[in-house]
């Protein structure tokens, strides 16, 4: 092969982060598909499971996950159709949709948990606790820089 990458060291760092994220998403998605869930649907269940009373506003879930309202509605409808969540109107404001995780949703999260934890452990094999904290903090700093650039219109 005669190809030699012309990426700068900075581009190589960012591309490695992108490749790692895409690989994680592909491996995790393969696991979630076994339970009839997509990656975003799994994350909705996680958000609801961590919410008080297992429920929260659809807009709040979308904000946490950075998903638009229209996409959230489609994801929620599919989750409801498969029995993982219930969609209800907020009794205080019928314009507001509340999402609530069902027993089936909780059960499937529990089933996925061990395999998901094993996946994460294998991906981070050889990383000490200190390494993990360092990588986490560096990626958070990168994300803060990106958010600042977007807010300042530096796209």
N, C-alpha and C. Protein backbone atom coordinates (compact mmCIF):
# COMPACT_ATOMS: atom_id res chain seq x y z
N UNK A 1 0.84 -1.17 0.00
CA UNK A 1 0.00 0.00 0.00
C UNK A 1 0.89 1.24 0.00
N UNK A 2 0.58 2.19 -0.86
CA UNK A 2 1.40 3.38 -1.01
C UNK A 2 0.82 4.60 -0.31
N UNK A 3 -0.25 4.44 0.45
CA UNK A 3 -0.90 5.56 1.12
C UNK A 3 -0.12 5.95 2.37
N UNK A 4 0.12 7.23 2.54
CA UNK A 4 0.71 7.75 3.76
C UNK A 4 -0.17 8.90 4.24
N UNK A 5 -0.69 8.79 5.43
CA UNK A 5 -1.61 9.79 5.97
C UNK A 5 -0.95 11.15 6.02
N UNK A 6 -1.72 12.16 5.60
CA UNK A 6 -1.21 13.53 5.69
C UNK A 6 -1.89 14.29 6.83
N UNK A 7 -2.52 13.56 7.75
CA UNK A 7 -3.17 14.19 8.89
C UNK A 7 -2.13 14.78 9.84
N UNK A 8 -2.43 15.95 10.37
CA UNK A 8 -1.57 16.54 11.39
C UNK A 8 -1.73 15.73 12.68
N UNK A 9 -0.84 15.94 13.63
CA UNK A 9 -0.95 15.23 14.91
C UNK A 9 -2.29 15.56 15.58
N UNK A 10 -2.72 16.83 15.50
CA UNK A 10 -4.01 17.22 16.09
C UNK A 10 -5.17 16.49 15.42
N UNK A 11 -5.12 16.39 14.09
CA UNK A 11 -6.18 15.66 13.37
C UNK A 11 -6.17 14.19 13.74
N UNK A 12 -5.00 13.61 13.91
CA UNK A 12 -4.90 12.20 14.30
C UNK A 12 -5.55 11.97 15.66
N UNK A 13 -5.35 12.89 16.60
CA UNK A 13 -5.97 12.78 17.92
C UNK A 13 -7.49 12.79 17.79
N UNK A 14 -8.02 13.79 17.06
CA UNK A 14 -9.46 13.91 16.93
C UNK A 14 -10.06 12.72 16.16
N UNK A 15 -9.37 12.26 15.13
CA UNK A 15 -9.87 11.10 14.38
C UNK A 15 -9.85 9.84 15.23
N UNK A 16 -8.86 9.69 16.11
CA UNK A 16 -8.83 8.53 17.00
C UNK A 16 -10.03 8.57 17.96
N UNK A 17 -10.38 9.76 18.45
CA UNK A 17 -11.54 9.91 19.33
C UNK A 17 -12.81 9.53 18.57
N UNK A 18 -12.93 10.02 17.33
CA UNK A 18 -14.10 9.71 16.51
C UNK A 18 -14.18 8.20 16.26
N UNK A 19 -13.07 7.58 15.89
CA UNK A 19 -13.07 6.13 15.62
C UNK A 19 -13.47 5.34 16.87
N UNK A 20 -12.94 5.75 18.03
CA UNK A 20 -13.28 5.05 19.27
C UNK A 20 -14.77 5.19 19.56
N UNK A 21 -15.31 6.39 19.39
CA UNK A 21 -16.74 6.61 19.65
C UNK A 21 -17.60 5.81 18.68
N UNK A 22 -17.22 5.81 17.41
CA UNK A 22 -18.00 5.05 16.42
C UNK A 22 -17.93 3.56 16.69
N UNK A 23 -16.77 3.07 17.09
CA UNK A 23 -16.63 1.64 17.39
C UNK A 23 -17.46 1.26 18.61
N UNK A 24 -17.43 2.10 19.64
CA UNK A 24 -18.25 1.85 20.82
C UNK A 24 -19.72 1.81 20.43
N UNK A 25 -20.15 2.79 19.65
CA UNK A 25 -21.56 2.85 19.27
C UNK A 25 -21.96 1.62 18.45
N UNK A 26 -21.09 1.17 17.55
CA UNK A 26 -21.39 0.00 16.73
C UNK A 26 -21.50 -1.26 17.60
N UNK A 27 -20.56 -1.46 18.53
CA UNK A 27 -20.59 -2.64 19.40
C UNK A 27 -21.81 -2.61 20.33
N UNK A 28 -22.07 -1.45 20.92
CA UNK A 28 -23.22 -1.33 21.82
C UNK A 28 -24.53 -1.51 21.06
N UNK A 29 -24.62 -0.93 19.88
CA UNK A 29 -25.84 -1.07 19.07
C UNK A 29 -26.13 -2.52 18.74
N UNK A 30 -25.08 -3.28 18.49
CA UNK A 30 -25.25 -4.71 18.21
C UNK A 30 -25.87 -5.42 19.41
N UNK A 31 -25.44 -5.06 20.60
CA UNK A 31 -26.02 -5.62 21.82
C UNK A 31 -27.47 -5.21 21.96
N UNK A 32 -27.76 -3.92 21.78
CA UNK A 32 -29.12 -3.41 21.99
C UNK A 32 -30.11 -4.00 20.98
N UNK A 33 -29.64 -4.26 19.76
CA UNK A 33 -30.52 -4.84 18.74
C UNK A 33 -31.05 -6.20 19.17
N UNK A 34 -30.30 -6.93 19.97
CA UNK A 34 -30.76 -8.23 20.47
C UNK A 34 -32.01 -8.09 21.33
N UNK A 35 -32.25 -6.88 21.82
CA UNK A 35 -33.41 -6.61 22.68
C UNK A 35 -34.43 -5.70 21.97
N UNK A 36 -34.28 -5.59 20.66
CA UNK A 36 -35.19 -4.77 19.86
C UNK A 36 -35.10 -3.29 20.19
N UNK A 37 -33.88 -2.84 20.53
CA UNK A 37 -33.64 -1.44 20.87
C UNK A 37 -32.55 -0.85 19.97
N UNK A 38 -32.70 0.42 19.66
CA UNK A 38 -31.63 1.15 18.99
C UNK A 38 -30.77 1.82 20.07
N UNK A 39 -29.64 2.35 19.68
CA UNK A 39 -28.76 3.05 20.62
C UNK A 39 -29.50 4.21 21.31
N UNK A 40 -30.19 5.09 20.55
CA UNK A 40 -30.92 6.18 21.22
C UNK A 40 -32.07 5.68 22.10
N UNK A 41 -32.76 4.62 21.69
CA UNK A 41 -33.85 4.09 22.52
C UNK A 41 -33.31 3.57 23.85
N UNK A 42 -32.19 2.88 23.81
CA UNK A 42 -31.55 2.41 25.04
C UNK A 42 -31.25 3.60 25.96
N UNK A 43 -30.71 4.66 25.37
CA UNK A 43 -30.36 5.83 26.18
C UNK A 43 -31.59 6.52 26.77
N UNK A 44 -32.69 6.51 26.05
CA UNK A 44 -33.94 7.05 26.60
C UNK A 44 -34.34 6.24 27.83
N UNK A 45 -34.27 4.91 27.73
CA UNK A 45 -34.60 4.07 28.88
C UNK A 45 -33.68 4.37 30.06
N UNK A 46 -32.40 4.59 29.78
CA UNK A 46 -31.45 4.92 30.86
C UNK A 46 -31.82 6.24 31.53
N UNK A 47 -32.16 7.24 30.73
CA UNK A 47 -32.55 8.55 31.29
C UNK A 47 -33.79 8.40 32.15
N UNK A 48 -34.80 7.67 31.64
CA UNK A 48 -36.04 7.50 32.41
C UNK A 48 -35.79 6.71 33.68
N UNK A 49 -34.97 5.68 33.60
CA UNK A 49 -34.68 4.85 34.77
C UNK A 49 -33.99 5.67 35.86
N UNK A 50 -33.20 6.66 35.46
CA UNK A 50 -32.48 7.51 36.41
C UNK A 50 -33.31 8.71 36.88
N UNK A 51 -34.50 8.89 36.29
CA UNK A 51 -35.36 10.02 36.64
C UNK A 51 -36.24 9.67 37.83
N UNK A 52 -36.61 10.69 38.58
CA UNK A 52 -37.48 10.50 39.75
C UNK A 52 -38.79 9.85 39.33
N UNK A 53 -39.12 8.74 39.95
CA UNK A 53 -40.36 8.03 39.64
C UNK A 53 -40.33 7.35 38.28
N UNK A 54 -39.15 7.29 37.65
CA UNK A 54 -39.04 6.63 36.34
C UNK A 54 -39.71 7.39 35.21
N UNK A 55 -39.98 8.68 35.45
CA UNK A 55 -40.64 9.45 34.39
C UNK A 55 -40.11 10.87 34.33
N UNK A 56 -40.21 11.46 33.15
CA UNK A 56 -39.87 12.87 32.96
C UNK A 56 -40.48 13.35 31.65
N UNK A 57 -40.42 14.64 31.43
CA UNK A 57 -40.97 15.23 30.21
C UNK A 57 -40.16 14.80 29.00
N UNK A 58 -40.85 14.59 27.89
CA UNK A 58 -40.18 14.20 26.65
C UNK A 58 -39.16 15.27 26.24
N UNK A 59 -39.47 16.55 26.48
CA UNK A 59 -38.53 17.62 26.13
C UNK A 59 -37.27 17.55 26.97
N UNK A 60 -37.40 17.15 28.22
CA UNK A 60 -36.23 17.02 29.10
C UNK A 60 -35.33 15.88 28.64
N UNK A 61 -35.93 14.76 28.25
CA UNK A 61 -35.14 13.64 27.73
C UNK A 61 -34.40 14.08 26.47
N UNK A 62 -35.10 14.77 25.58
CA UNK A 62 -34.48 15.27 24.35
C UNK A 62 -33.34 16.22 24.63
N UNK A 63 -33.51 17.09 25.63
CA UNK A 63 -32.44 18.03 26.00
C UNK A 63 -31.21 17.28 26.51
N UNK A 64 -31.43 16.30 27.36
CA UNK A 64 -30.32 15.52 27.92
C UNK A 64 -29.58 14.78 26.82
N UNK A 65 -30.34 14.24 25.87
CA UNK A 65 -29.75 13.41 24.81
C UNK A 65 -29.36 14.21 23.56
N UNK A 66 -29.67 15.49 23.53
CA UNK A 66 -29.40 16.33 22.36
C UNK A 66 -30.14 15.83 21.12
N UNK A 67 -31.42 15.49 21.32
CA UNK A 67 -32.27 14.97 20.24
C UNK A 67 -33.43 15.94 20.03
N UNK A 68 -33.75 16.21 18.76
CA UNK A 68 -34.83 17.15 18.45
C UNK A 68 -36.19 16.57 18.87
N UNK A 69 -37.17 17.47 19.00
CA UNK A 69 -38.51 17.07 19.41
C UNK A 69 -39.14 16.06 18.48
N UNK A 70 -39.00 16.29 17.16
CA UNK A 70 -39.59 15.36 16.18
C UNK A 70 -38.96 13.98 16.30
N UNK A 71 -37.65 13.92 16.43
CA UNK A 71 -36.98 12.62 16.57
C UNK A 71 -37.36 11.94 17.89
N UNK A 72 -37.49 12.73 18.95
CA UNK A 72 -37.88 12.16 20.25
C UNK A 72 -39.27 11.53 20.15
N UNK A 73 -40.18 12.20 19.45
CA UNK A 73 -41.53 11.67 19.33
C UNK A 73 -41.51 10.30 18.64
N UNK A 74 -40.76 10.18 17.55
CA UNK A 74 -40.67 8.90 16.84
C UNK A 74 -40.04 7.81 17.70
N UNK A 75 -38.95 8.16 18.40
CA UNK A 75 -38.29 7.19 19.27
C UNK A 75 -39.24 6.74 20.39
N UNK A 76 -39.95 7.70 20.99
CA UNK A 76 -40.87 7.38 22.08
C UNK A 76 -42.02 6.51 21.60
N UNK A 77 -42.55 6.79 20.41
CA UNK A 77 -43.66 5.98 19.88
C UNK A 77 -43.22 4.53 19.69
N UNK A 78 -42.00 4.32 19.17
CA UNK A 78 -41.52 2.95 18.97
C UNK A 78 -41.29 2.24 20.31
N UNK A 79 -40.75 2.97 21.29
CA UNK A 79 -40.56 2.38 22.62
C UNK A 79 -41.89 2.01 23.25
N UNK A 80 -42.89 2.87 23.07
CA UNK A 80 -44.22 2.59 23.62
C UNK A 80 -44.84 1.39 22.92
N UNK A 81 -44.72 1.34 21.61
CA UNK A 81 -45.28 0.23 20.83
C UNK A 81 -44.70 -1.11 21.30
N UNK A 82 -43.42 -1.11 21.68
CA UNK A 82 -42.77 -2.34 22.13
C UNK A 82 -42.91 -2.57 23.64
N UNK A 83 -43.66 -1.69 24.32
CA UNK A 83 -43.96 -1.90 25.73
C UNK A 83 -42.87 -1.46 26.70
N UNK A 84 -41.86 -0.72 26.24
CA UNK A 84 -40.76 -0.31 27.10
C UNK A 84 -41.08 0.95 27.90
N UNK A 85 -41.98 1.79 27.37
CA UNK A 85 -42.36 3.02 28.07
C UNK A 85 -43.86 3.27 27.89
N UNK A 86 -44.37 4.21 28.68
CA UNK A 86 -45.72 4.73 28.49
C UNK A 86 -45.58 6.22 28.21
N UNK A 87 -46.42 6.73 27.31
CA UNK A 87 -46.49 8.18 27.07
C UNK A 87 -47.81 8.67 27.63
N UNK A 88 -47.74 9.70 28.45
CA UNK A 88 -48.94 10.25 29.08
C UNK A 88 -48.89 11.76 29.01
N UNK A 89 -50.08 12.37 29.03
CA UNK A 89 -50.15 13.82 29.15
C UNK A 89 -49.92 14.20 30.60
N UNK A 90 -49.22 15.30 30.80
CA UNK A 90 -49.01 15.82 32.15
C UNK A 90 -50.36 16.32 32.67
N UNK A 91 -50.84 15.83 33.81
CA UNK A 91 -52.14 16.26 34.32
C UNK A 91 -52.20 17.77 34.62
N UNK A 92 -51.04 18.38 34.85
CA UNK A 92 -50.99 19.82 35.14
C UNK A 92 -50.99 20.66 33.86
N UNK A 93 -50.56 20.03 32.73
CA UNK A 93 -50.50 20.75 31.46
C UNK A 93 -50.57 19.71 30.35
N UNK A 94 -51.75 19.55 29.76
CA UNK A 94 -51.97 18.48 28.79
C UNK A 94 -51.16 18.64 27.51
N UNK A 95 -50.55 19.81 27.31
CA UNK A 95 -49.69 20.00 26.13
C UNK A 95 -48.35 19.29 26.31
N UNK A 96 -48.03 18.94 27.55
CA UNK A 96 -46.74 18.34 27.89
C UNK A 96 -46.87 16.82 27.90
N UNK A 97 -45.94 16.15 27.23
CA UNK A 97 -45.91 14.69 27.22
C UNK A 97 -44.89 14.19 28.22
N UNK A 98 -45.35 13.29 29.08
CA UNK A 98 -44.46 12.63 30.04
C UNK A 98 -44.14 11.22 29.53
N UNK A 99 -42.90 10.83 29.69
CA UNK A 99 -42.48 9.47 29.37
C UNK A 99 -42.20 8.74 30.67
N UNK A 100 -42.67 7.50 30.76
CA UNK A 100 -42.44 6.70 31.97
C UNK A 100 -41.98 5.31 31.56
N UNK A 101 -40.89 4.87 32.18
CA UNK A 101 -40.38 3.53 31.90
C UNK A 101 -41.32 2.50 32.52
N UNK A 102 -41.56 1.41 31.80
CA UNK A 102 -42.43 0.33 32.29
C UNK A 102 -41.58 -0.74 32.97
N UNK A 103 -42.25 -1.69 33.57
CA UNK A 103 -41.54 -2.82 34.16
C UNK A 103 -40.74 -3.56 33.10
N UNK A 104 -41.30 -3.69 31.89
CA UNK A 104 -40.57 -4.35 30.80
C UNK A 104 -39.31 -3.56 30.46
N UNK A 105 -39.41 -2.23 30.44
CA UNK A 105 -38.24 -1.39 30.17
C UNK A 105 -37.17 -1.56 31.23
N UNK A 106 -37.58 -1.58 32.49
CA UNK A 106 -36.64 -1.78 33.60
C UNK A 106 -35.98 -3.15 33.50
N UNK A 107 -36.80 -4.15 33.17
CA UNK A 107 -36.30 -5.51 33.07
C UNK A 107 -35.26 -5.66 31.97
N UNK A 108 -35.52 -5.04 30.81
CA UNK A 108 -34.57 -5.16 29.70
C UNK A 108 -33.27 -4.43 30.03
N UNK A 109 -33.34 -3.31 30.74
CA UNK A 109 -32.11 -2.63 31.16
C UNK A 109 -31.29 -3.53 32.07
N UNK A 110 -31.97 -4.22 32.98
CA UNK A 110 -31.28 -5.13 33.89
C UNK A 110 -30.62 -6.28 33.11
N UNK A 111 -31.33 -6.81 32.11
CA UNK A 111 -30.77 -7.89 31.29
C UNK A 111 -29.53 -7.43 30.52
N UNK A 112 -29.55 -6.22 30.03
CA UNK A 112 -28.45 -5.69 29.21
C UNK A 112 -27.25 -5.34 30.08
N UNK A 113 -27.48 -4.98 31.33
CA UNK A 113 -26.46 -4.38 32.19
C UNK A 113 -25.14 -5.15 32.25
N UNK A 114 -25.17 -6.42 32.52
CA UNK A 114 -23.93 -7.19 32.68
C UNK A 114 -23.13 -7.23 31.39
N UNK A 115 -23.80 -7.51 30.28
CA UNK A 115 -23.11 -7.58 29.00
C UNK A 115 -22.57 -6.21 28.62
N UNK A 116 -23.34 -5.17 28.88
CA UNK A 116 -22.91 -3.80 28.59
C UNK A 116 -21.68 -3.45 29.44
N UNK A 117 -21.72 -3.79 30.72
CA UNK A 117 -20.58 -3.53 31.60
C UNK A 117 -19.34 -4.28 31.13
N UNK A 118 -19.52 -5.53 30.68
CA UNK A 118 -18.40 -6.31 30.14
C UNK A 118 -17.82 -5.64 28.89
N UNK A 119 -18.70 -5.14 28.03
CA UNK A 119 -18.27 -4.44 26.82
C UNK A 119 -17.39 -3.25 27.19
N UNK A 120 -17.85 -2.44 28.14
CA UNK A 120 -17.09 -1.26 28.57
C UNK A 120 -15.75 -1.67 29.17
N UNK A 121 -15.78 -2.68 30.00
CA UNK A 121 -14.54 -3.14 30.65
C UNK A 121 -13.53 -3.63 29.61
N UNK A 122 -14.01 -4.36 28.62
CA UNK A 122 -13.11 -4.85 27.57
C UNK A 122 -12.54 -3.71 26.73
N UNK A 123 -13.37 -2.70 26.46
CA UNK A 123 -12.89 -1.57 25.67
C UNK A 123 -11.83 -0.78 26.44
N UNK A 124 -11.94 -0.73 27.75
CA UNK A 124 -11.01 0.04 28.56
C UNK A 124 -9.96 -0.83 29.25
N UNK A 125 -9.82 -2.05 28.74
CA UNK A 125 -8.84 -2.98 29.30
C UNK A 125 -7.44 -2.35 29.23
N UNK A 126 -6.70 -2.47 30.33
CA UNK A 126 -5.35 -1.92 30.38
C UNK A 126 -5.31 -0.46 30.81
N UNK A 127 -6.48 0.17 30.97
CA UNK A 127 -6.54 1.54 31.46
C UNK A 127 -6.68 1.50 32.98
N UNK A 128 -5.78 2.13 33.68
CA UNK A 128 -5.91 2.22 35.14
C UNK A 128 -7.03 3.20 35.46
N UNK A 129 -7.44 3.24 36.72
CA UNK A 129 -8.45 4.23 37.15
C UNK A 129 -7.95 5.64 36.84
N UNK A 130 -6.67 5.86 37.08
CA UNK A 130 -6.08 7.18 36.80
C UNK A 130 -6.13 7.49 35.30
N UNK A 131 -5.80 6.49 34.46
CA UNK A 131 -5.89 6.68 33.00
C UNK A 131 -7.31 7.05 32.59
N UNK A 132 -8.28 6.34 33.15
CA UNK A 132 -9.69 6.58 32.80
C UNK A 132 -10.11 7.99 33.18
N UNK A 133 -9.72 8.43 34.37
CA UNK A 133 -10.05 9.79 34.81
C UNK A 133 -9.38 10.83 33.91
N UNK A 134 -8.13 10.57 33.54
CA UNK A 134 -7.40 11.50 32.69
C UNK A 134 -8.06 11.63 31.32
N UNK A 135 -8.37 10.49 30.70
CA UNK A 135 -9.03 10.52 29.39
C UNK A 135 -10.36 11.24 29.49
N UNK A 136 -11.14 10.92 30.50
CA UNK A 136 -12.44 11.56 30.70
C UNK A 136 -12.29 13.08 30.81
N UNK A 137 -11.37 13.52 31.64
CA UNK A 137 -11.18 14.96 31.84
C UNK A 137 -10.67 15.65 30.58
N UNK A 138 -9.81 15.00 29.83
CA UNK A 138 -9.31 15.59 28.58
C UNK A 138 -10.41 15.70 27.54
N UNK A 139 -11.24 14.67 27.42
CA UNK A 139 -12.34 14.72 26.45
C UNK A 139 -13.36 15.77 26.87
N UNK A 140 -13.63 15.89 28.15
CA UNK A 140 -14.55 16.95 28.63
C UNK A 140 -14.01 18.33 28.28
N UNK A 141 -12.70 18.52 28.43
CA UNK A 141 -12.08 19.80 28.08
C UNK A 141 -12.25 20.07 26.59
N UNK A 142 -12.04 19.05 25.78
CA UNK A 142 -12.22 19.18 24.33
C UNK A 142 -13.66 19.58 24.02
N UNK A 143 -14.62 18.93 24.66
CA UNK A 143 -16.03 19.26 24.43
C UNK A 143 -16.36 20.68 24.87
N UNK A 144 -15.80 21.13 25.98
CA UNK A 144 -16.01 22.52 26.40
C UNK A 144 -15.47 23.50 25.36
N UNK A 145 -14.29 23.20 24.82
CA UNK A 145 -13.71 24.05 23.78
C UNK A 145 -14.61 24.10 22.55
N UNK A 146 -15.14 22.95 22.17
CA UNK A 146 -16.03 22.88 21.00
C UNK A 146 -17.31 23.67 21.26
N UNK A 147 -17.91 23.49 22.44
CA UNK A 147 -19.13 24.25 22.78
C UNK A 147 -18.87 25.76 22.74
N UNK A 148 -17.72 26.18 23.28
CA UNK A 148 -17.36 27.60 23.28
C UNK A 148 -17.24 28.10 21.84
N UNK A 149 -16.61 27.32 20.99
CA UNK A 149 -16.46 27.72 19.58
C UNK A 149 -17.81 27.87 18.90
N UNK A 150 -18.71 26.94 19.16
CA UNK A 150 -20.04 26.99 18.56
C UNK A 150 -20.80 28.21 19.06
N UNK A 151 -20.72 28.45 20.37
CA UNK A 151 -21.42 29.62 20.94
C UNK A 151 -20.88 30.93 20.38
N UNK A 152 -19.57 30.95 20.08
CA UNK A 152 -18.96 32.16 19.53
C UNK A 152 -19.05 32.25 18.01
N UNK A 153 -19.76 31.29 17.40
CA UNK A 153 -19.92 31.30 15.95
C UNK A 153 -18.66 30.99 15.18
N UNK A 154 -17.78 30.20 15.78
CA UNK A 154 -16.51 29.86 15.14
C UNK A 154 -16.58 28.57 14.33
N UNK A 155 -17.78 28.17 13.97
CA UNK A 155 -17.95 26.90 13.25
C UNK A 155 -17.25 26.92 11.92
